[in-house]
């Protein structure tokens, strides 16, 4: 699932980037943030599991998935790509 999200992020970023030089640093920063989050979330999930119970971990996961679905419906899609030279 993470590989699919990374591929989707790269494709979307290439479509909306104003210049090709911005794509690689932006993707690198995204991978860095993903790594930091992937180190923190399991700890937080274990803490919630221990303190509140396993039910709340799954409820939080369902809420996050629902928010992701709602936010992705708000993303703009282009019927045709904008002219990059005109925006620079």
PDB file of N, CA and C in Angstrom:
ATOM      1  N   UNK A   1       0.828  -1.184   0.000  1.00  0.00           N
ATOM      2  CA  UNK A   1       0.000   0.000   0.000  1.00  0.00           C
ATOM      3  C   UNK A   1       0.877   1.255   0.000  1.00  0.00           C
ATOM      4  N   UNK A   2       1.948   1.230   0.752  1.00  0.00           N
ATOM      5  CA  UNK A   2       2.834   2.390   0.810  1.00  0.00           C
ATOM      6  C   UNK A   2       3.481   2.659  -0.548  1.00  0.00           C
ATOM      7  N   UNK A   3       3.826   1.604  -1.275  1.00  0.00           N
ATOM      8  CA  UNK A   3       4.413   1.778  -2.608  1.00  0.00           C
ATOM      9  C   UNK A   3       3.412   2.415  -3.557  1.00  0.00           C
ATOM     10  N   UNK A   4       2.155   2.043  -3.455  1.00  0.00           N
ATOM     11  CA  UNK A   4       1.117   2.637  -4.303  1.00  0.00           C
ATOM     12  C   UNK A   4       0.933   4.116  -3.994  1.00  0.00           C
ATOM     13  N   UNK A   5       0.951   4.460  -2.720  1.00  0.00           N
ATOM     14  CA  UNK A   5       0.804   5.857  -2.327  1.00  0.00           C
ATOM     15  C   UNK A   5       2.006   6.667  -2.810  1.00  0.00           C
ATOM     16  N   UNK A   6       3.204   6.101  -2.707  1.00  0.00           N
ATOM     17  CA  UNK A   6       4.402   6.791  -3.167  1.00  0.00           C
ATOM     18  C   UNK A   6       4.349   7.021  -4.673  1.00  0.00           C
ATOM     19  N   UNK A   7       3.906   6.026  -5.416  1.00  0.00           N
ATOM     20  CA  UNK A   7       3.790   6.168  -6.863  1.00  0.00           C
ATOM     21  C   UNK A   7       2.726   7.210  -7.220  1.00  0.00           C
ATOM     22  N   UNK A   8       1.621   7.214  -6.527  1.00  0.00           N
ATOM     23  CA  UNK A   8       0.565   8.192  -6.785  1.00  0.00           C
ATOM     24  C   UNK A   8       1.054   9.597  -6.451  1.00  0.00           C
ATOM     25  N   UNK A   9       1.788   9.740  -5.365  1.00  0.00           N
ATOM     26  CA  UNK A   9       2.325  11.044  -4.979  1.00  0.00           C
ATOM     27  C   UNK A   9       3.289  11.561  -6.041  1.00  0.00           C
ATOM     28  N   UNK A  10       4.161  10.700  -6.528  1.00  0.00           N
ATOM     29  CA  UNK A  10       5.129  11.111  -7.547  1.00  0.00           C
ATOM     30  C   UNK A  10       4.429  11.521  -8.837  1.00  0.00           C
ATOM     31  N   UNK A  11       3.432  10.774  -9.246  1.00  0.00           N
ATOM     32  CA  UNK A  11       2.703  11.083 -10.471  1.00  0.00           C
ATOM     33  C   UNK A  11       1.957  12.406 -10.338  1.00  0.00           C
ATOM     34  N   UNK A  12       1.279  12.600  -9.229  1.00  0.00           N
ATOM     35  CA  UNK A  12       0.529  13.838  -9.015  1.00  0.00           C
ATOM     36  C   UNK A  12       1.473  15.028  -8.938  1.00  0.00           C
ATOM     37  N   UNK A  13       2.595  14.861  -8.251  1.00  0.00           N
ATOM     38  CA  UNK A  13       3.550  15.953  -8.116  1.00  0.00           C
ATOM     39  C   UNK A  13       4.141  16.342  -9.465  1.00  0.00           C
ATOM     40  N   UNK A  14       4.426  15.370 -10.304  1.00  0.00           N
ATOM     41  CA  UNK A  14       4.958  15.675 -11.632  1.00  0.00           C
ATOM     42  C   UNK A  14       3.948  16.444 -12.469  1.00  0.00           C
ATOM     43  N   UNK A  15       2.677  16.205 -12.243  1.00  0.00           N
ATOM     44  CA  UNK A  15       1.644  16.915 -12.999  1.00  0.00           C
ATOM     45  C   UNK A  15       1.481  18.354 -12.542  1.00  0.00           C
ATOM     46  N   UNK A  16       1.658  18.625 -11.250  1.00  0.00           N
ATOM     47  CA  UNK A  16       1.386  19.965 -10.743  1.00  0.00           C
ATOM     48  C   UNK A  16       2.639  20.805 -10.542  1.00  0.00           C
ATOM     49  N   UNK A  17       3.819  20.221 -10.646  1.00  0.00           N
ATOM     50  CA  UNK A  17       5.062  20.967 -10.404  1.00  0.00           C
ATOM     51  C   UNK A  17       5.264  22.038 -11.468  1.00  0.00           C
ATOM     52  N   UNK A  18       5.720  23.203 -11.018  1.00  0.00           N
ATOM     53  CA  UNK A  18       5.993  24.282 -11.953  1.00  0.00           C
ATOM     54  C   UNK A  18       7.275  24.043 -12.734  1.00  0.00           C
ATOM     55  N   UNK A  19       8.262  23.400 -12.097  1.00  0.00           N
ATOM     56  CA  UNK A  19       9.496  23.070 -12.811  1.00  0.00           C
ATOM     57  C   UNK A  19       9.936  21.658 -12.422  1.00  0.00           C
ATOM     58  N   UNK A  20      10.621  21.008 -13.339  1.00  0.00           N
ATOM     59  CA  UNK A  20      11.058  19.633 -13.094  1.00  0.00           C
ATOM     60  C   UNK A  20      12.118  19.553 -11.999  1.00  0.00           C
ATOM     61  N   UNK A  21      12.838  20.640 -11.749  1.00  0.00           N
ATOM     62  CA  UNK A  21      13.869  20.647 -10.706  1.00  0.00           C
ATOM     63  C   UNK A  21      13.276  20.553  -9.303  1.00  0.00           C
ATOM     64  N   UNK A  22      12.009  20.898  -9.144  1.00  0.00           N
ATOM     65  CA  UNK A  22      11.362  20.863  -7.837  1.00  0.00           C
ATOM     66  C   UNK A  22      10.877  19.474  -7.448  1.00  0.00           C
ATOM     67  N   UNK A  23      10.751  18.575  -8.398  1.00  0.00           N
ATOM     68  CA  UNK A  23      10.133  17.276  -8.137  1.00  0.00           C
ATOM     69  C   UNK A  23      11.001  16.414  -7.221  1.00  0.00           C
ATOM     70  N   UNK A  24      12.260  16.254  -7.541  1.00  0.00           N
ATOM     71  CA  UNK A  24      13.129  15.359  -6.770  1.00  0.00           C
ATOM     72  C   UNK A  24      13.313  15.793  -5.316  1.00  0.00           C
ATOM     73  N   UNK A  25      13.616  17.065  -5.034  1.00  0.00           N
ATOM     74  CA  UNK A  25      13.731  17.459  -3.624  1.00  0.00           C
ATOM     75  C   UNK A  25      12.433  17.311  -2.844  1.00  0.00           C
ATOM     76  N   UNK A  26      11.319  17.579  -3.513  1.00  0.00           N
ATOM     77  CA  UNK A  26      10.034  17.455  -2.841  1.00  0.00           C
ATOM     78  C   UNK A  26       9.726  16.000  -2.507  1.00  0.00           C
ATOM     79  N   UNK A  27      10.004  15.092  -3.449  1.00  0.00           N
ATOM     80  CA  UNK A  27       9.792  13.668  -3.177  1.00  0.00           C
ATOM     81  C   UNK A  27      10.729  13.170  -2.081  1.00  0.00           C
ATOM     82  N   UNK A  28      11.960  13.667  -2.056  1.00  0.00           N
ATOM     83  CA  UNK A  28      12.904  13.271  -1.004  1.00  0.00           C
ATOM     84  C   UNK A  28      12.422  13.725   0.366  1.00  0.00           C
ATOM     85  N   UNK A  29      11.925  14.949   0.449  1.00  0.00           N
ATOM     86  CA  UNK A  29      11.394  15.437   1.724  1.00  0.00           C
ATOM     87  C   UNK A  29      10.177  14.627   2.143  1.00  0.00           C
ATOM     88  N   UNK A  30       9.349  14.255   1.178  1.00  0.00           N
ATOM     89  CA  UNK A  30       8.188  13.421   1.497  1.00  0.00           C
ATOM     90  C   UNK A  30       8.587  12.070   2.063  1.00  0.00           C
ATOM     91  N   UNK A  31       9.638  11.472   1.494  1.00  0.00           N
ATOM     92  CA  UNK A  31      10.116  10.186   2.005  1.00  0.00           C
ATOM     93  C   UNK A  31      10.678  10.338   3.418  1.00  0.00           C
ATOM     94  N   UNK A  32      11.357  11.452   3.690  1.00  0.00           N
ATOM     95  CA  UNK A  32      11.891  11.711   5.026  1.00  0.00           C
ATOM     96  C   UNK A  32      10.763  11.842   6.037  1.00  0.00           C
ATOM     97  N   UNK A  33       9.741  12.586   5.689  1.00  0.00           N
ATOM     98  CA  UNK A  33       8.600  12.752   6.598  1.00  0.00           C
ATOM     99  C   UNK A  33       7.877  11.425   6.781  1.00  0.00           C
ATOM    100  N   UNK A  34       7.712  10.642   5.707  1.00  0.00           N
ATOM    101  CA  UNK A  34       7.102   9.311   5.820  1.00  0.00           C
ATOM    102  C   UNK A  34       7.870   8.437   6.792  1.00  0.00           C
ATOM    103  N   UNK A  35       9.216   8.502   6.732  1.00  0.00           N
ATOM    104  CA  UNK A  35      10.034   7.690   7.623  1.00  0.00           C
ATOM    105  C   UNK A  35       9.852   8.117   9.076  1.00  0.00           C
ATOM    106  N   UNK A  36       9.823   9.412   9.322  1.00  0.00           N
ATOM    107  CA  UNK A  36       9.637   9.889  10.701  1.00  0.00           C
ATOM    108  C   UNK A  36       8.277   9.460  11.237  1.00  0.00           C
ATOM    109  N   UNK A  37       7.253   9.577  10.419  1.00  0.00           N
ATOM    110  CA  UNK A  37       5.908   9.178  10.839  1.00  0.00           C
ATOM    111  C   UNK A  37       5.843   7.670  11.069  1.00  0.00           C
ATOM    112  N   UNK A  38       6.506   6.897  10.191  1.00  0.00           N
ATOM    113  CA  UNK A  38       6.444   5.436  10.328  1.00  0.00           C
ATOM    114  C   UNK A  38       7.197   4.946  11.566  1.00  0.00           C
ATOM    115  N   UNK A  39       8.056   5.763  12.133  1.00  0.00           N
ATOM    116  CA  UNK A  39       8.714   5.404  13.385  1.00  0.00           C
ATOM    117  C   UNK A  39       7.862   5.788  14.594  1.00  0.00           C
ATOM    118  N   UNK A  40       7.038   6.830  14.457  1.00  0.00           N
ATOM    119  CA  UNK A  40       6.253   7.326  15.576  1.00  0.00           C
ATOM    120  C   UNK A  40       4.893   6.634  15.706  1.00  0.00           C
ATOM    121  N   UNK A  41       4.243   6.343  14.593  1.00  0.00           N
ATOM    122  CA  UNK A  41       2.884   5.792  14.621  1.00  0.00           C
ATOM    123  C   UNK A  41       2.803   4.440  15.333  1.00  0.00           C
ATOM    124  N   UNK A  42       3.730   3.488  15.109  1.00  0.00           N
ATOM    125  CA  UNK A  42       3.632   2.226  15.853  1.00  0.00           C
ATOM    126  C   UNK A  42       3.766   2.420  17.367  1.00  0.00           C
ATOM    127  N   UNK A  43       4.623   3.343  17.763  1.00  0.00           N
ATOM    128  CA  UNK A  43       4.758   3.619  19.195  1.00  0.00           C
ATOM    129  C   UNK A  43       3.450   4.183  19.742  1.00  0.00           C
ATOM    130  N   UNK A  44       2.866   5.128  19.020  1.00  0.00           N
ATOM    131  CA  UNK A  44       1.604   5.723  19.451  1.00  0.00           C
ATOM    132  C   UNK A  44       0.485   4.675  19.479  1.00  0.00           C
ATOM    133  N   UNK A  45       0.440   3.811  18.466  1.00  0.00           N
ATOM    134  CA  UNK A  45      -0.570   2.752  18.444  1.00  0.00           C
ATOM    135  C   UNK A  45      -0.418   1.795  19.613  1.00  0.00           C
ATOM    136  N   UNK A  46       0.821   1.441  19.936  1.00  0.00           N
ATOM    137  CA  UNK A  46       1.056   0.575  21.094  1.00  0.00           C
ATOM    138  C   UNK A  46       0.658   1.232  22.399  1.00  0.00           C
ATOM    139  N   UNK A  47       0.923   2.525  22.499  1.00  0.00           N
ATOM    140  CA  UNK A  47       0.549   3.267  23.697  1.00  0.00           C
ATOM    141  C   UNK A  47      -0.973   3.303  23.855  1.00  0.00           C
ATOM    142  N   UNK A  48      -1.684   3.616  22.755  1.00  0.00           N
ATOM    143  CA  UNK A  48      -3.147   3.656  22.794  1.00  0.00           C
ATOM    144  C   UNK A  48      -3.698   2.274  23.105  1.00  0.00           C
ATOM    145  N   UNK A  49      -3.112   1.229  22.508  1.00  0.00           N
ATOM    146  CA  UNK A  49      -3.552  -0.149  22.751  1.00  0.00           C
ATOM    147  C   UNK A  49      -3.412  -0.498  24.230  1.00  0.00           C
ATOM    148  N   UNK A  50      -2.285  -0.116  24.819  1.00  0.00           N
ATOM    149  CA  UNK A  50      -2.018  -0.454  26.218  1.00  0.00           C
ATOM    150  C   UNK A  50      -2.915   0.323  27.178  1.00  0.00           C
ATOM    151  N   UNK A  51      -3.096   1.607  26.914  1.00  0.00           N
ATOM    152  CA  UNK A  51      -3.837   2.459  27.843  1.00  0.00           C
ATOM    153  C   UNK A  51      -5.348   2.341  27.657  1.00  0.00           C
ATOM    154  N   UNK A  52      -5.825   2.383  26.413  1.00  0.00           N
ATOM    155  CA  UNK A  52      -7.265   2.425  26.164  1.00  0.00           C
ATOM    156  C   UNK A  52      -7.860   1.104  25.699  1.00  0.00           C
ATOM    157  N   UNK A  53      -7.063   0.289  25.028  1.00  0.00           N
ATOM    158  CA  UNK A  53      -7.572  -0.978  24.507  1.00  0.00           C
ATOM    159  C   UNK A  53      -7.444  -1.030  22.999  1.00  0.00           C
ATOM    160  N   UNK A  54      -7.489  -2.244  22.478  1.00  0.00           N
ATOM    161  CA  UNK A  54      -7.266  -2.448  21.049  1.00  0.00           C
ATOM    162  C   UNK A  54      -8.352  -1.835  20.184  1.00  0.00           C
ATOM    163  N   UNK A  55      -9.563  -1.683  20.727  1.00  0.00           N
ATOM    164  CA  UNK A  55     -10.664  -1.156  19.933  1.00  0.00           C
ATOM    165  C   UNK A  55     -10.354   0.236  19.397  1.00  0.00           C
ATOM    166  N   UNK A  56      -9.724   1.054  20.244  1.00  0.00           N
ATOM    167  CA  UNK A  56      -9.463   2.434  19.872  1.00  0.00           C
ATOM    168  C   UNK A  56      -8.410   2.556  18.781  1.00  0.00           C
ATOM    169  N   UNK A  57      -7.496   1.619  18.703  1.00  0.00           N
ATOM    170  CA  UNK A  57      -6.505   1.619  17.624  1.00  0.00           C
ATOM    171  C   UNK A  57      -7.217   1.426  16.285  1.00  0.00           C
ATOM    172  N   UNK A  58      -8.138   0.496  16.227  1.00  0.00           N
ATOM    173  CA  UNK A  58      -8.865   0.229  14.990  1.00  0.00           C
ATOM    174  C   UNK A  58      -9.847   1.348  14.655  1.00  0.00           C
ATOM    175  N   UNK A  59     -10.437   1.961  15.663  1.00  0.00           N
ATOM    176  CA  UNK A  59     -11.321   3.108  15.425  1.00  0.00           C
ATOM    177  C   UNK A  59     -10.518   4.270  14.851  1.00  0.00           C
ATOM    178  N   UNK A  60      -9.338   4.523  15.404  1.00  0.00           N
ATOM    179  CA  UNK A  60      -8.474   5.588  14.872  1.00  0.00           C
ATOM    180  C   UNK A  60      -8.074   5.298  13.429  1.00  0.00           C
ATOM    181  N   UNK A  61      -7.776   4.052  13.121  1.00  0.00           N
ATOM    182  CA  UNK A  61      -7.438   3.676  11.748  1.00  0.00           C
ATOM    183  C   UNK A  61      -8.593   3.915  10.798  1.00  0.00           C
ATOM    184  N   UNK A  62      -9.801   3.600  11.231  1.00  0.00           N
ATOM    185  CA  UNK A  62     -10.979   3.821  10.395  1.00  0.00           C
ATOM    186  C   UNK A  62     -11.230   5.311  10.182  1.00  0.00           C
ATOM    187  N   UNK A  63     -11.007   6.110  11.210  1.00  0.00           N
ATOM    188  CA  UNK A  63     -11.184   7.564  11.082  1.00  0.00           C
ATOM    189  C   UNK A  63     -10.155   8.135  10.111  1.00  0.00           C
ATOM    190  N   UNK A  64      -8.913   7.706  10.216  1.00  0.00           N
ATOM    191  CA  UNK A  64      -7.860   8.184   9.311  1.00  0.00           C
ATOM    192  C   UNK A  64      -8.177   7.786   7.869  1.00  0.00           C
ATOM    193  N   UNK A  65      -8.628   6.565   7.659  1.00  0.00           N
ATOM    194  CA  UNK A  65      -8.978   6.120   6.308  1.00  0.00           C
ATOM    195  C   UNK A  65     -10.134   6.943   5.741  1.00  0.00           C
ATOM    196  N   UNK A  66     -11.114   7.250   6.553  1.00  0.00           N
ATOM    197  CA  UNK A  66     -12.244   8.060   6.106  1.00  0.00           C
ATOM    198  C   UNK A  66     -11.799   9.479   5.763  1.00  0.00           C
ATOM    199  N   UNK A  67     -10.941  10.060   6.591  1.00  0.00           N
ATOM    200  CA  UNK A  67     -10.415  11.393   6.295  1.00  0.00           C
ATOM    201  C   UNK A  67      -9.615  11.398   5.000  1.00  0.00           C
ATOM    202  N   UNK A  68      -8.796  10.363   4.775  1.00  0.00           N
ATOM    203  CA  UNK A  68      -8.053  10.264   3.524  1.00  0.00           C
ATOM    204  C   UNK A  68      -8.993  10.225   2.330  1.00  0.00           C
ATOM    205  N   UNK A  69     -10.059   9.457   2.430  1.00  0.00           N
ATOM    206  CA  UNK A  69     -11.032   9.368   1.344  1.00  0.00           C
ATOM    207  C   UNK A  69     -11.674  10.723   1.080  1.00  0.00           C
ATOM    208  N   UNK A  70     -12.079  11.410   2.129  1.00  0.00           N
ATOM    209  CA  UNK A  70     -12.717  12.721   1.960  1.00  0.00           C
ATOM    210  C   UNK A  70     -11.750  13.743   1.376  1.00  0.00           C
ATOM    211  N   UNK A  71     -10.511  13.731   1.829  1.00  0.00           N
ATOM    212  CA  UNK A  71      -9.534  14.692   1.324  1.00  0.00           C
ATOM    213  C   UNK A  71      -9.160  14.424  -0.128  1.00  0.00           C
ATOM    214  N   UNK A  72      -9.086  13.164  -0.529  1.00  0.00           N
ATOM    215  CA  UNK A  72      -8.742  12.882  -1.916  1.00  0.00           C
ATOM    216  C   UNK A  72      -9.865  13.258  -2.874  1.00  0.00           C
ATOM    217  N   UNK A  73     -11.088  13.293  -2.409  1.00  0.00           N
ATOM    218  CA  UNK A  73     -12.169  13.743  -3.278  1.00  0.00           C
ATOM    219  C   UNK A  73     -12.086  15.246  -3.526  1.00  0.00           C
ATOM    220  N   UNK A  74     -11.355  15.974  -2.702  1.00  0.00           N
ATOM    221  CA  UNK A  74     -11.194  17.423  -2.861  1.00  0.00           C
ATOM    222  C   UNK A  74     -10.024  17.784  -3.780  1.00  0.00           C
ATOM    223  N   UNK A  75      -9.205  16.804  -4.169  1.00  0.00           N
ATOM    224  CA  UNK A  75      -8.060  17.081  -5.037  1.00  0.00           C
ATOM    225  C   UNK A  75      -8.556  17.441  -6.429  1.00  0.00           C
ATOM    226  N   UNK A  76      -7.924  18.444  -7.007  1.00  0.00           N
ATOM    227  CA  UNK A  76      -8.294  18.857  -8.354  1.00  0.00           C
ATOM    228  C   UNK A  76      -7.618  17.946  -9.365  1.00  0.00           C
ATOM    229  N   UNK A  77      -8.350  17.611 -10.388  1.00  0.00           N
ATOM    230  CA  UNK A  77      -7.758  16.852 -11.486  1.00  0.00           C
ATOM    231  C   UNK A  77      -7.845  17.714 -12.737  1.00  0.00           C
ATOM    232  N   UNK A  78      -6.848  17.577 -13.576  1.00  0.00           N
ATOM    233  CA  UNK A  78      -6.790  18.374 -14.786  1.00  0.00           C
ATOM    234  C   UNK A  78      -7.288  17.529 -15.954  1.00  0.00           C
ATOM    235  N   UNK A  79      -8.200  18.094 -16.748  1.00  0.00           N
ATOM    236  CA  UNK A  79      -8.615  17.392 -17.954  1.00  0.00           C
ATOM    237  C   UNK A  79      -7.494  17.460 -18.986  1.00  0.00           C
ATOM    238  N   UNK A  80      -6.724  18.524 -18.927  1.00  0.00           N
ATOM    239  CA  UNK A  80      -5.503  18.619 -19.705  1.00  0.00           C
ATOM    240  C   UNK A  80      -4.475  19.327 -18.835  1.00  0.00           C
ATOM    241  N   UNK A  81      -3.235  19.025 -19.027  1.00  0.00           N
ATOM    242  CA  UNK A  81      -2.191  19.617 -18.213  1.00  0.00           C
ATOM    243  C   UNK A  81      -2.014  21.084 -18.566  1.00  0.00           C
ATOM    244  N   UNK A  82      -1.756  21.930 -17.570  1.00  0.00           N
ATOM    245  CA  UNK A  82      -1.529  23.344 -17.857  1.00  0.00           C
ATOM    246  C   UNK A  82      -0.193  23.532 -18.571  1.00  0.00           C
ATOM    247  N   UNK A  83      -0.091  24.588 -19.321  1.00  0.00           N
ATOM    248  CA  UNK A  83       1.128  24.903 -20.040  1.00  0.00           C
ATOM    249  C   UNK A  83       2.164  25.407 -19.044  1.00  0.00           C
ATOM    250  N   UNK A  84       3.228  24.626 -18.812  1.00  0.00           N
ATOM    251  CA  UNK A  84       4.238  24.980 -17.804  1.00  0.00           C
ATOM    252  C   UNK A  84       5.001  26.243 -18.181  1.00  0.00           C
ATOM    253  N   UNK A  85       5.224  26.483 -19.468  1.00  0.00           N
ATOM    254  CA  UNK A  85       5.975  27.667 -19.879  1.00  0.00           C
ATOM    255  C   UNK A  85       5.186  28.939 -19.597  1.00  0.00           C
ATOM    256  N   UNK A  86       3.879  28.865 -19.656  1.00  0.00           N
ATOM    257  CA  UNK A  86       3.046  30.046 -19.420  1.00  0.00           C
ATOM    258  C   UNK A  86       3.027  30.436 -17.954  1.00  0.00           C
ATOM    259  N   UNK A  87       3.281  29.497 -17.031  1.00  0.00           N
ATOM    260  CA  UNK A  87       3.218  29.788 -15.611  1.00  0.00           C
ATOM    261  C   UNK A  87       4.546  30.228 -15.040  1.00  0.00           C
ATOM    262  N   UNK A  88       5.630  30.092 -15.793  1.00  0.00           N
ATOM    263  CA  UNK A  88       6.951  30.444 -15.254  1.00  0.00           C
ATOM    264  C   UNK A  88       7.235  31.904 -15.446  1.00  0.00           C
TER     265      UNK A  88
END
